[in-house]
N, C-alpha and C. Protein backbone atom coordinates (compact mmCIF):
# COMPACT_ATOMS: atom_id res chain seq x y z
N SER A 1 -7.96 3.75 18.09
CA SER A 1 -8.22 3.18 16.97
C SER A 1 -9.53 2.54 16.54
N LEU A 2 -10.14 2.12 17.77
CA LEU A 2 -11.81 1.81 17.49
C LEU A 2 -12.41 3.08 16.45
N GLY A 3 -12.11 4.63 16.84
CA GLY A 3 -13.19 5.58 16.36
C GLY A 3 -12.50 5.65 15.14
N LYS A 4 -11.10 5.57 14.96
CA LYS A 4 -10.80 5.75 13.55
C LYS A 4 -11.52 4.80 12.54
N THR A 5 -11.71 3.32 13.03
CA THR A 5 -12.18 2.12 12.40
C THR A 5 -13.22 2.17 12.12
N ILE A 6 -14.06 2.78 12.98
CA ILE A 6 -15.74 3.35 12.25
C ILE A 6 -15.59 4.41 11.87
N GLY A 7 -14.87 5.54 11.65
CA GLY A 7 -15.41 6.18 10.82
C GLY A 7 -14.57 5.90 9.43
N SER A 8 -13.47 5.11 9.41
CA SER A 8 -13.42 4.41 7.91
C SER A 8 -13.82 4.04 7.62
N CYS A 9 -14.89 2.92 8.12
CA CYS A 9 -16.05 2.01 7.81
C CYS A 9 -17.21 2.82 7.58
N THR A 10 -17.62 3.82 8.32
CA THR A 10 -18.71 4.72 7.72
C THR A 10 -18.61 5.70 6.07
N ALA A 11 -17.25 6.02 6.01
CA ALA A 11 -16.99 6.36 4.61
C ALA A 11 -16.95 5.31 3.63
N PHE A 12 -16.33 4.37 4.02
CA PHE A 12 -16.95 3.01 3.30
C PHE A 12 -17.98 2.75 2.73
N ALA A 13 -18.94 2.68 3.82
CA ALA A 13 -20.05 2.49 3.44
C ALA A 13 -20.76 3.58 2.42
N LEU A 14 -20.47 4.63 2.59
CA LEU A 14 -21.07 5.67 2.16
C LEU A 14 -20.72 5.70 0.94
N SER A 15 -19.42 5.67 0.70
CA SER A 15 -19.20 5.12 -1.10
C SER A 15 -19.88 3.85 -1.52
N ARG A 16 -19.74 3.31 -1.00
CA ARG A 16 -20.45 1.86 -1.37
C ARG A 16 -22.18 2.31 -1.99
N LEU A 17 -22.69 2.98 -0.93
CA LEU A 17 -24.15 2.90 -1.08
C LEU A 17 -24.70 4.17 -1.99
N LEU A 18 -23.86 5.20 -1.98
CA LEU A 18 -23.96 6.68 -2.58
C LEU A 18 -22.99 7.00 -3.92
N LEU A 19 -22.06 6.90 -3.80
CA LEU A 19 -20.83 7.21 -4.65
C LEU A 19 -20.90 6.07 -5.84
N ALA A 20 -20.74 5.02 -5.66
CA ALA A 20 -20.65 3.73 -6.42
C ALA A 20 -22.06 3.87 -7.24
N PRO A 21 -23.04 3.88 -6.81
CA PRO A 21 -24.02 3.84 -7.66
C PRO A 21 -24.41 5.37 -8.74
N LEU A 22 -23.96 6.15 -7.82
CA LEU A 22 -23.87 7.47 -8.97
C LEU A 22 -22.79 7.43 -9.76
N LEU A 23 -21.84 6.63 -9.76
CA LEU A 23 -20.45 6.79 -10.66
C LEU A 23 -20.86 5.61 -11.75
N SER A 24 -21.60 4.36 -11.25
CA SER A 24 -22.05 3.74 -12.39
C SER A 24 -23.02 3.96 -13.62
N ARG A 25 -23.72 4.57 -13.03
CA ARG A 25 -24.92 5.72 -14.09
C ARG A 25 -24.25 6.48 -15.08
N SER A 26 -23.11 7.32 -14.75
CA SER A 26 -22.83 8.40 -16.14
C SER A 26 -21.59 7.25 -16.85
N PRO A 27 -21.72 7.72 -18.23
CA PRO A 27 -21.06 6.83 -18.65
C PRO A 27 -19.45 7.11 -18.88
N ALA A 28 -18.73 6.63 -19.34
CA ALA A 28 -17.26 6.63 -19.20
C ALA A 28 -16.75 7.77 -20.28
N THR A 29 -17.46 7.71 -21.05
CA THR A 29 -17.03 8.77 -22.33
C THR A 29 -17.39 10.16 -22.04
N ALA A 30 -18.31 10.33 -20.92
CA ALA A 30 -18.64 11.70 -20.67
C ALA A 30 -17.62 12.43 -19.73
N ALA A 31 -16.99 11.72 -19.31
CA ALA A 31 -15.81 12.87 -18.57
C ALA A 31 -14.59 12.68 -19.21
N GLY A 32 -14.37 12.11 -20.31
CA GLY A 32 -13.08 12.42 -21.48
C GLY A 32 -12.07 11.39 -20.73
N PRO A 33 -11.04 11.62 -21.18
CA PRO A 33 -9.46 10.62 -20.99
C PRO A 33 -9.84 10.38 -19.80
N LEU A 34 -9.32 11.56 -18.70
CA LEU A 34 -9.43 11.46 -17.24
C LEU A 34 -9.99 10.21 -16.56
N ARG A 35 -11.16 10.31 -16.80
CA ARG A 35 -12.54 9.38 -16.63
C ARG A 35 -11.88 7.59 -16.89
N ARG A 36 -11.89 7.81 -18.22
CA ARG A 36 -11.17 6.52 -18.73
C ARG A 36 -10.14 6.05 -18.16
N ARG A 37 -8.87 6.70 -17.71
CA ARG A 37 -7.56 6.32 -16.88
C ARG A 37 -8.04 5.99 -15.57
N ALA A 38 -9.00 6.79 -14.95
CA ALA A 38 -9.21 6.26 -13.66
C ALA A 38 -10.11 4.96 -13.74
N ASP A 39 -11.27 4.85 -14.45
CA ASP A 39 -11.70 3.61 -14.78
C ASP A 39 -10.60 2.20 -15.03
N ALA A 40 -9.84 2.44 -16.19
CA ALA A 40 -8.49 1.68 -16.20
C ALA A 40 -7.85 1.67 -14.71
N MET A 41 -7.43 2.18 -13.77
CA MET A 41 -6.73 2.05 -12.91
C MET A 41 -8.10 1.16 -11.36
N LEU A 42 -9.06 1.15 -11.85
CA LEU A 42 -9.79 0.85 -10.99
C LEU A 42 -10.08 -0.35 -11.05
N THR A 43 -10.28 -0.69 -12.55
CA THR A 43 -10.42 -2.11 -13.18
C THR A 43 -8.99 -3.05 -12.69
N GLN A 44 -7.83 -2.66 -12.79
CA GLN A 44 -6.78 -3.32 -12.49
C GLN A 44 -6.61 -3.08 -10.61
N LEU A 45 -6.98 -2.26 -10.13
CA LEU A 45 -7.34 -2.11 -8.85
C LEU A 45 -8.33 -3.30 -8.25
N GLY A 46 -9.41 -3.34 -9.11
CA GLY A 46 -10.18 -4.17 -8.53
C GLY A 46 -9.81 -5.78 -8.79
N GLY A 47 -9.13 -6.13 -10.05
CA GLY A 47 -8.51 -7.39 -10.03
C GLY A 47 -7.48 -7.90 -9.36
N ALA A 48 -6.85 -6.76 -8.19
CA ALA A 48 -5.81 -7.00 -7.21
C ALA A 48 -6.96 -7.41 -5.81
N VAL A 49 -7.91 -7.01 -6.23
CA VAL A 49 -8.86 -6.91 -4.62
C VAL A 49 -9.52 -8.48 -4.86
N ARG A 50 -10.05 -8.73 -5.99
CA ARG A 50 -10.21 -10.07 -6.39
C ARG A 50 -9.42 -11.19 -6.12
N ASP A 51 -8.08 -11.36 -6.48
CA ASP A 51 -7.43 -12.15 -6.39
C ASP A 51 -6.63 -12.25 -5.08
N ARG A 52 -6.57 -11.37 -4.39
CA ARG A 52 -5.90 -11.07 -3.16
C ARG A 52 -6.29 -10.20 -1.70
N PRO A 53 -7.09 -10.06 -1.78
CA PRO A 53 -8.29 -9.24 -0.83
C PRO A 53 -7.41 -8.76 0.15
N PHE A 54 -7.06 -9.51 0.83
CA PHE A 54 -6.34 -9.12 2.48
C PHE A 54 -5.03 -8.31 2.42
N ARG A 55 -4.20 -9.17 0.96
CA ARG A 55 -3.27 -8.54 0.86
C ARG A 55 -3.11 -6.86 0.33
N THR A 56 -3.87 -6.89 -0.39
CA THR A 56 -4.15 -5.72 -1.30
C THR A 56 -4.79 -4.62 -0.45
N VAL A 57 -5.86 -5.03 0.53
CA VAL A 57 -6.65 -4.07 1.35
C VAL A 57 -5.33 -3.60 2.40
N PHE A 58 -4.79 -4.49 3.10
CA PHE A 58 -3.32 -4.27 4.03
C PHE A 58 -2.67 -3.26 3.47
N LEU A 59 -1.86 -3.66 2.34
CA LEU A 59 -0.97 -2.52 1.41
C LEU A 59 -1.82 -1.05 1.49
N LEU A 60 -2.86 -1.17 0.96
CA LEU A 60 -3.25 0.24 0.85
C LEU A 60 -3.63 0.64 2.02
N ARG A 61 -3.91 0.41 3.07
CA ARG A 61 -4.51 0.66 4.07
C ARG A 61 -2.80 1.22 4.58
N ALA A 62 -2.06 0.67 4.72
CA ALA A 62 -0.60 0.91 5.01
C ALA A 62 0.13 1.86 4.42
N ALA A 63 -0.10 2.49 3.15
CA ALA A 63 0.22 3.15 2.24
C ALA A 63 0.29 4.50 2.86
N PRO A 64 1.06 5.58 2.28
CA PRO A 64 0.91 6.56 2.79
C PRO A 64 0.23 7.83 1.75
N LEU A 65 -1.32 7.47 2.01
CA LEU A 65 -2.36 7.92 0.56
C LEU A 65 -3.15 8.40 1.69
N PRO A 66 -4.02 9.65 1.25
CA PRO A 66 -5.12 10.03 1.84
C PRO A 66 -5.91 9.85 2.48
N ILE A 67 -6.58 9.45 4.16
CA ILE A 67 -7.13 8.43 4.29
C ILE A 67 -8.37 8.53 4.02
N ALA A 68 -9.10 9.69 3.38
CA ALA A 68 -10.30 9.60 2.13
C ALA A 68 -10.39 8.66 0.87
N LEU A 69 -9.00 9.26 0.28
CA LEU A 69 -9.22 8.10 -1.01
C LEU A 69 -9.26 6.61 -0.34
N LYS A 70 -8.49 6.30 0.52
CA LYS A 70 -8.70 4.46 0.99
C LYS A 70 -10.14 4.48 1.18
N ASN A 71 -10.44 4.95 1.77
CA ASN A 71 -11.86 4.73 2.32
C ASN A 71 -12.96 4.86 1.11
N TYR A 72 -13.13 6.03 0.85
CA TYR A 72 -13.96 6.04 -0.26
C TYR A 72 -13.58 5.56 -1.56
N GLY A 73 -12.26 5.27 -1.79
CA GLY A 73 -11.86 4.41 -3.11
C GLY A 73 -12.23 2.92 -2.98
N LEU A 74 -11.87 2.49 -1.80
CA LEU A 74 -12.18 1.34 -1.67
C LEU A 74 -13.68 0.93 -1.29
N GLY A 75 -14.12 1.57 -1.28
CA GLY A 75 -15.87 1.48 -1.37
C GLY A 75 -16.41 1.37 -2.64
N LEU A 76 -15.55 1.55 -3.80
CA LEU A 76 -15.97 1.58 -5.14
C LEU A 76 -15.26 0.13 -5.60
N MET A 77 -14.95 -0.98 -4.46
CA MET A 77 -14.69 -1.89 -5.44
C MET A 77 -15.93 -3.33 -4.78
N PRO A 78 -16.40 -3.34 -5.81
CA PRO A 78 -17.76 -4.47 -5.76
C PRO A 78 -17.27 -5.54 -5.09
N SER A 79 -15.91 -5.99 -5.54
CA SER A 79 -15.31 -7.42 -5.40
C SER A 79 -14.73 -7.82 -4.03
N LEU A 80 -14.67 -6.09 -3.28
CA LEU A 80 -14.06 -6.48 -1.61
C LEU A 80 -15.33 -6.55 -1.01
N PRO A 81 -15.24 -7.66 -0.13
CA PRO A 81 -16.12 -8.05 0.70
C PRO A 81 -15.99 -6.89 1.93
N SER A 82 -16.84 -6.63 2.84
CA SER A 82 -17.20 -5.64 4.01
C SER A 82 -16.44 -6.27 5.02
N LEU A 83 -16.00 -7.23 5.02
CA LEU A 83 -15.73 -8.00 6.25
C LEU A 83 -13.78 -7.60 6.06
N VAL A 84 -13.66 -7.98 5.06
CA VAL A 84 -12.21 -7.69 4.83
C VAL A 84 -11.91 -6.43 4.90
N PHE A 85 -12.14 -5.42 4.31
CA PHE A 85 -12.31 -3.97 4.65
C PHE A 85 -11.99 -3.43 6.38
N VAL A 86 -13.08 -4.14 7.10
CA VAL A 86 -13.23 -3.79 8.55
C VAL A 86 -12.03 -4.93 9.03
N LEU A 87 -11.48 -5.91 9.00
CA LEU A 87 -10.35 -6.44 9.55
C LEU A 87 -9.26 -5.91 9.23
N MET A 88 -8.93 -5.47 8.17
CA MET A 88 -7.65 -4.77 7.38
C MET A 88 -7.66 -3.57 8.20
N THR A 89 -8.44 -2.84 7.81
CA THR A 89 -8.68 -1.48 8.55
C THR A 89 -7.94 -1.81 9.95
N PHE A 90 -8.90 -2.50 10.93
CA PHE A 90 -8.28 -2.53 12.29
C PHE A 90 -7.02 -3.16 12.78
N ALA A 91 -6.77 -3.84 11.77
CA ALA A 91 -5.43 -4.60 11.91
C ALA A 91 -4.51 -3.46 11.65
N VAL A 92 -4.37 -2.56 10.83
CA VAL A 92 -3.27 -1.41 10.06
C VAL A 92 -3.58 -0.34 11.42
N ASN A 93 -4.70 -0.03 11.84
CA ASN A 93 -5.01 1.50 12.68
C ASN A 93 -4.23 0.82 14.06
N VAL A 94 -4.46 -0.35 14.79
CA VAL A 94 -3.93 -0.63 16.05
C VAL A 94 -2.48 -0.29 15.88
N PRO A 95 -1.85 -1.02 15.30
CA PRO A 95 0.05 -0.68 15.42
C PRO A 95 0.21 1.06 15.39
N PHE A 96 -0.60 1.67 14.21
CA PHE A 96 0.18 3.04 14.40
C PHE A 96 -0.76 3.74 15.21
N SER A 97 -2.04 3.48 15.71
CA SER A 97 -2.49 4.31 17.20
C SER A 97 -1.51 3.73 18.41
N VAL A 98 -1.03 2.44 18.89
CA VAL A 98 -0.04 2.50 19.49
C VAL A 98 1.38 3.11 19.35
N ALA A 99 1.82 3.00 18.19
CA ALA A 99 2.88 4.11 18.17
C ALA A 99 2.79 5.56 18.19
N TRP A 100 1.75 5.96 17.50
CA TRP A 100 1.41 7.42 18.11
C TRP A 100 1.24 7.91 19.64
N ALA A 101 0.37 6.72 19.77
CA ALA A 101 0.05 7.27 21.59
C ALA A 101 1.33 7.37 22.16
N LEU A 102 2.12 6.14 22.10
CA LEU A 102 3.62 5.89 22.69
C LEU A 102 4.45 7.23 22.42
N THR A 103 4.51 7.81 20.96
CA THR A 103 4.95 9.15 20.57
C THR A 103 4.55 10.06 21.53
N GLY A 104 3.41 10.30 21.48
CA GLY A 104 2.84 11.30 22.31
C GLY A 104 2.98 11.18 23.73
N SER A 105 2.69 10.79 24.63
CA SER A 105 2.78 10.19 25.87
C SER A 105 4.51 10.53 25.93
N SER A 106 5.43 10.08 25.31
CA SER A 106 6.74 10.41 25.66
C SER A 106 7.04 12.10 25.34
N ALA A 107 6.15 12.50 24.52
CA ALA A 107 6.86 14.16 24.20
C ALA A 107 6.89 15.28 25.30
N SER A 108 6.26 15.01 26.44
CA SER A 108 6.63 16.28 27.08
C SER A 108 7.82 15.30 28.30
N SER A 109 7.81 14.24 28.43
CA SER A 109 8.71 13.59 28.90
C SER A 109 10.24 14.07 28.05
N LEU A 110 10.42 14.23 26.99
CA LEU A 110 11.30 14.29 26.20
C LEU A 110 11.62 15.90 26.13
N GLN A 111 11.00 16.48 26.18
CA GLN A 111 11.16 18.18 26.54
C GLN A 111 11.70 17.92 27.84
N GLU A 112 10.97 17.55 29.20
CA GLU A 112 11.69 17.80 30.39
C GLU A 112 12.90 17.43 30.47
N ALA A 113 13.25 16.07 29.59
CA ALA A 113 14.97 15.31 29.60
C ALA A 113 15.80 16.56 28.63
N LEU A 114 15.37 17.08 27.77
CA LEU A 114 16.09 18.10 26.97
C LEU A 114 16.84 19.21 28.02
N GLN A 115 15.61 19.60 28.90
CA GLN A 115 15.96 20.67 29.59
C GLN A 115 16.39 20.54 30.82
N GLY A 116 16.64 19.27 31.32
CA GLY A 116 17.36 18.91 31.95
C GLY A 116 16.76 18.56 33.38
N GLY A 117 15.26 18.55 33.40
CA GLY A 117 14.36 18.44 34.43
C GLY A 117 14.34 17.15 35.01
N GLY A 118 14.13 17.00 36.30
CA GLY A 118 13.48 15.56 36.88
C GLY A 118 15.01 14.86 37.34
N ALA A 119 14.90 13.74 38.35
CA ALA A 119 15.89 13.15 38.38
C ALA A 119 16.37 12.30 37.50
N ASP A 120 15.39 12.01 37.06
CA ASP A 120 15.44 10.09 36.03
C ASP A 120 15.06 10.89 34.54
N SER A 121 15.87 12.71 34.59
CA SER A 121 15.55 12.55 32.81
C SER A 121 16.42 11.89 31.92
N SER A 122 17.81 11.67 32.12
CA SER A 122 18.42 10.45 31.17
C SER A 122 17.26 9.61 30.93
N GLY A 123 16.75 8.84 31.60
CA GLY A 123 16.15 7.46 31.37
C GLY A 123 14.87 7.90 30.65
N LYS A 124 14.29 8.99 30.82
CA LYS A 124 13.13 9.32 29.68
C LYS A 124 13.48 9.50 28.69
N LEU A 125 14.74 10.06 28.55
CA LEU A 125 15.33 10.59 27.16
C LEU A 125 15.94 9.15 26.66
N VAL A 126 16.29 8.03 27.19
CA VAL A 126 16.07 6.69 26.69
C VAL A 126 15.22 5.87 26.17
N THR A 127 14.31 6.19 27.00
CA THR A 127 12.78 5.64 26.88
C THR A 127 12.11 6.41 25.13
N SER A 128 12.56 7.59 25.37
CA SER A 128 11.99 8.30 23.96
C SER A 128 12.64 7.99 22.61
N ALA A 129 13.94 7.92 23.08
CA ALA A 129 14.75 7.67 21.90
C ALA A 129 14.50 6.19 21.43
N VAL A 130 14.51 5.31 22.34
CA VAL A 130 14.04 4.06 21.94
C VAL A 130 12.62 3.96 21.29
N THR A 131 11.89 4.64 21.79
CA THR A 131 10.32 4.72 21.04
C THR A 131 10.56 5.22 19.62
N ALA A 132 11.29 6.11 19.42
CA ALA A 132 11.33 6.77 18.29
C ALA A 132 12.38 5.98 17.26
N LEU A 133 13.11 5.20 18.05
CA LEU A 133 13.76 4.23 16.87
C LEU A 133 13.12 3.06 16.20
N VAL A 134 12.33 2.41 17.35
CA VAL A 134 10.99 1.66 17.26
C VAL A 134 10.14 1.83 16.13
N LEU A 135 9.73 3.15 15.97
CA LEU A 135 8.63 3.53 15.40
C LEU A 135 9.21 4.10 13.85
N LEU A 136 10.33 4.34 13.96
CA LEU A 136 10.92 4.59 12.47
C LEU A 136 11.43 3.29 11.89
N GLY A 137 11.87 2.20 12.57
CA GLY A 137 12.09 0.90 12.41
C GLY A 137 10.68 0.08 11.52
N SER A 138 9.91 0.14 12.63
CA SER A 138 8.42 -0.42 11.94
C SER A 138 7.84 0.18 10.91
N LEU A 139 7.88 1.54 10.65
CA LEU A 139 7.66 2.35 9.36
C LEU A 139 8.45 1.87 8.19
N GLY A 140 9.66 1.95 8.14
CA GLY A 140 10.82 1.58 7.16
C GLY A 140 9.94 0.05 6.64
N TYR A 141 10.13 -0.97 7.81
CA TYR A 141 9.79 -2.15 7.21
C TYR A 141 8.45 -2.34 6.35
N VAL A 142 7.62 -1.59 7.23
CA VAL A 142 6.09 -1.41 6.69
C VAL A 142 6.41 -1.04 5.31
N GLY A 143 7.26 0.39 4.91
CA GLY A 143 7.23 0.46 3.56
C GLY A 143 8.08 -0.35 2.38
N ASN A 144 8.95 -0.90 3.04
CA ASN A 144 9.83 -1.79 2.16
C ASN A 144 8.61 -3.26 2.36
N PHE A 145 8.00 -3.46 2.84
CA PHE A 145 6.97 -4.47 2.66
C PHE A 145 6.31 -4.34 1.25
N CYS A 146 5.67 -2.97 1.30
CA CYS A 146 4.71 -2.54 0.70
C CYS A 146 5.56 -2.24 -0.78
N ARG A 147 6.40 -1.65 -0.86
CA ARG A 147 7.30 -1.63 -2.15
C ARG A 147 7.67 -3.12 -2.55
N GLU A 148 8.01 -4.30 -1.96
CA GLU A 148 8.01 -5.11 -2.60
C GLU A 148 6.74 -6.20 -3.24
N GLN A 149 5.62 -6.01 -2.46
CA GLN A 149 4.56 -6.62 -2.55
C GLN A 149 4.03 -6.04 -4.09
N LEU A 150 4.13 -4.54 -4.13
CA LEU A 150 3.72 -3.98 -5.23
C LEU A 150 4.37 -3.92 -6.48
N ARG A 151 5.67 -4.44 -6.14
CA ARG A 151 6.53 -4.58 -7.65
C ARG A 151 5.97 -6.17 -8.00
N GLU A 152 5.90 -6.81 -6.91
CA GLU A 152 5.28 -8.34 -7.09
C GLU A 152 4.33 -8.18 -7.94
N MET A 153 3.20 -7.64 -7.58
CA MET A 153 1.82 -7.17 -7.81
C MET A 153 1.94 -6.79 -9.84
N ARG A 154 2.98 -6.11 -9.87
CA ARG A 154 3.12 -5.22 -10.98
C ARG A 154 3.69 -6.03 -12.11
N SER A 155 4.77 -7.03 -11.63
CA SER A 155 5.24 -8.02 -12.69
C SER A 155 4.39 -9.25 -12.82
N GLY A 156 3.25 -9.54 -12.01
CA GLY A 156 2.31 -10.38 -12.32
C GLY A 156 2.73 -11.84 -11.64
N ALA A 157 3.96 -11.61 -10.97
CA ALA A 157 4.50 -12.80 -10.07
C ALA A 157 3.68 -13.26 -9.06
N GLU A 158 3.54 -14.78 -9.32
CA GLU A 158 2.44 -15.40 -7.96
C GLU A 158 3.46 -15.32 -6.80
N PRO A 159 2.64 -15.11 -5.79
CA PRO A 159 3.70 -15.20 -4.46
C PRO A 159 4.36 -16.57 -3.84
N PRO A 160 5.16 -17.25 -3.18
CA PRO A 160 5.82 -17.91 -3.35
C PRO A 160 4.88 -19.43 -2.92
N GLU A 161 3.93 -18.94 -1.66
CA GLU A 161 2.78 -20.18 -1.40
C GLU A 161 2.09 -20.67 -2.80
N GLU A 162 1.88 -19.57 -3.61
CA GLU A 162 1.14 -19.91 -4.94
C GLU A 162 2.09 -20.48 -6.12
N ARG A 163 3.25 -20.14 -5.90
CA ARG A 163 3.98 -20.80 -6.63
C ARG A 163 4.50 -22.56 -6.19
N ALA A 164 4.65 -22.66 -4.99
CA ALA A 164 4.73 -23.95 -4.44
C ALA A 164 3.60 -24.85 -4.67
N ALA A 165 2.37 -24.43 -4.49
CA ALA A 165 0.94 -25.27 -4.95
C ALA A 165 0.78 -25.34 -6.13
N ALA A 166 1.42 -24.43 -7.14
CA ALA A 166 1.12 -24.66 -8.52
C ALA A 166 2.20 -25.62 -8.85
N ALA A 167 3.26 -25.65 -8.68
CA ALA A 167 4.59 -26.83 -8.91
C ALA A 167 3.93 -28.55 -8.25
N ALA A 168 3.33 -28.33 -7.18
CA ALA A 168 3.17 -29.43 -6.51
C ALA A 168 1.93 -29.80 -7.28
N ALA A 169 0.73 -29.32 -7.73
CA ALA A 169 -0.31 -29.52 -8.77
C ALA A 169 0.23 -30.40 -10.25
N ALA A 170 1.07 -29.68 -10.54
CA ALA A 170 1.65 -29.70 -11.64
C ALA A 170 2.68 -31.35 -11.72
N ALA A 171 3.18 -31.42 -10.44
CA ALA A 171 4.20 -32.94 -10.21
C ALA A 171 2.77 -33.80 -10.04
N ALA A 172 2.15 -33.73 -9.71
CA ALA A 172 0.75 -34.38 -9.32
C ALA A 172 0.24 -34.95 -10.52
N ALA A 173 -0.04 -34.10 -11.32
CA ALA A 173 -0.74 -34.14 -12.92
C ALA A 173 0.27 -34.90 -13.63
N ALA A 174 1.50 -34.79 -13.33
CA ALA A 174 2.34 -35.14 -14.40
C ALA A 174 2.61 -36.91 -13.69
N ALA A 175 2.68 -36.78 -12.60
CA ALA A 175 2.32 -38.37 -11.76
C ALA A 175 1.43 -39.30 -12.08
N ALA A 176 0.21 -38.36 -12.23
CA ALA A 176 -0.97 -39.57 -12.83
C ALA A 176 -1.00 -39.75 -14.02
N ALA A 177 -0.07 -39.28 -15.28
CA ALA A 177 -0.31 -39.32 -16.47
C ALA A 177 0.52 -40.45 -16.89
């Protein structure tokens, strides 16, 4: 996971240092409607990154999108602090790396268990099955979490903690008046 994080950060830095200046020099009208749509999407994403950087980057890192799109695309977000990118990239990479390592390490044991090899093949099969169920359950949870967060972001609703803070501020203002 450290190597993947370093690679992601390298792509992020290249995008920020080389690609962003190149794109900022070309006028939006030069590339036609596709460029204007992309600019509009980047503007919306930039607003989400500016308002909720940790949550937005976490959701994008966990989303099933091509890794290059995530790394280079997030490098185009000037409002995204580099430290947030690094922390969220590492936070998402570690659990996935552990899950894939566990899956890979049990793959040969699963093959042996299915072929009936070894005295403890049934134990290995149970371990492999539990690992697979935990992995699938975790991916399902992350997927549902991402879907709910994206739905909330699209609707423009505030998260519960921000609603509570706004309500407390309104109550304090009303009490002071």
